Amino acid sequence: MENNEIIIHQLNRIEKHIFGLKEILNVEELSDYTGFKKSYIYKIGTF
């Protein structure tokens, strides 16, 4: 791995850890964390 790839990998791990510390995520945070589109999150979140 190049240095840039290593740094990006580490930043992604840190970001996931930070998201894991929160009990409740908003739609944008959940989208970033899971990779799901916001529209999909809204769709599965409405009943």
Protein backbone atom coordinates (compact mmCIF):
# COMPACT_ATOMS: atom_id res chain seq x y z
CA MET A 1 0.00 0.00 0.00
CA GLU A 2 1.12 3.51 -0.71
CA ASN A 3 1.38 5.98 2.15
CA ASN A 4 -1.75 7.81 0.93
CA GLU A 5 -3.75 4.58 0.88
CA ILE A 6 -2.59 3.73 4.39
CA ILE A 7 -3.60 7.17 5.65
CA ILE A 8 -7.02 6.94 4.00
CA HIS A 9 -7.53 3.47 5.47
CA GLN A 10 -6.64 4.70 8.96
CA LEU A 11 -8.92 7.74 8.62
CA ASN A 12 -11.79 5.47 7.58
CA ARG A 13 -11.21 3.31 10.65
CA ILE A 14 -11.17 6.37 12.91
CA GLU A 15 -14.35 7.70 11.31
CA LYS A 16 -16.16 4.39 11.83
CA HIS A 17 -15.03 4.32 15.45
CA ILE A 18 -16.32 7.85 16.04
CA PHE A 19 -19.68 6.99 14.48
CA GLY A 20 -19.80 3.93 16.72
CA LEU A 21 -19.56 6.14 19.82
CA LYS A 22 -22.85 7.90 19.03
CA GLU A 23 -26.08 6.22 20.07
CA ILE A 24 -28.21 7.91 17.41
CA LEU A 25 -27.08 8.91 13.92
CA ASN A 26 -28.90 11.32 11.64
CA VAL A 27 -29.67 10.30 8.06
CA GLU A 28 -26.54 11.89 6.62
CA GLU A 29 -24.27 10.25 9.22
CA LEU A 30 -26.00 6.89 8.71
CA SER A 31 -25.52 7.22 4.96
CA ASP A 32 -21.82 7.97 5.40
CA TYR A 33 -21.40 5.14 7.89
CA THR A 34 -23.27 2.43 5.96
CA GLY A 35 -22.80 3.57 2.38
CA PHE A 36 -26.57 3.41 1.80
CA LYS A 37 -28.16 6.25 -0.16
CA LYS A 38 -30.19 8.72 1.87
CA SER A 39 -33.30 7.93 -0.19
CA TYR A 40 -32.97 4.24 0.71
CA ILE A 41 -32.62 5.08 4.41
CA TYR A 42 -35.75 7.24 4.25
CA LYS A 43 -37.59 4.46 2.43
CA ILE A 44 -36.76 1.77 4.99
CA GLY A 45 -37.31 4.19 7.88
CA THR A 46 -40.91 5.07 7.03
CA PHE A 47 -43.82 2.81 7.78
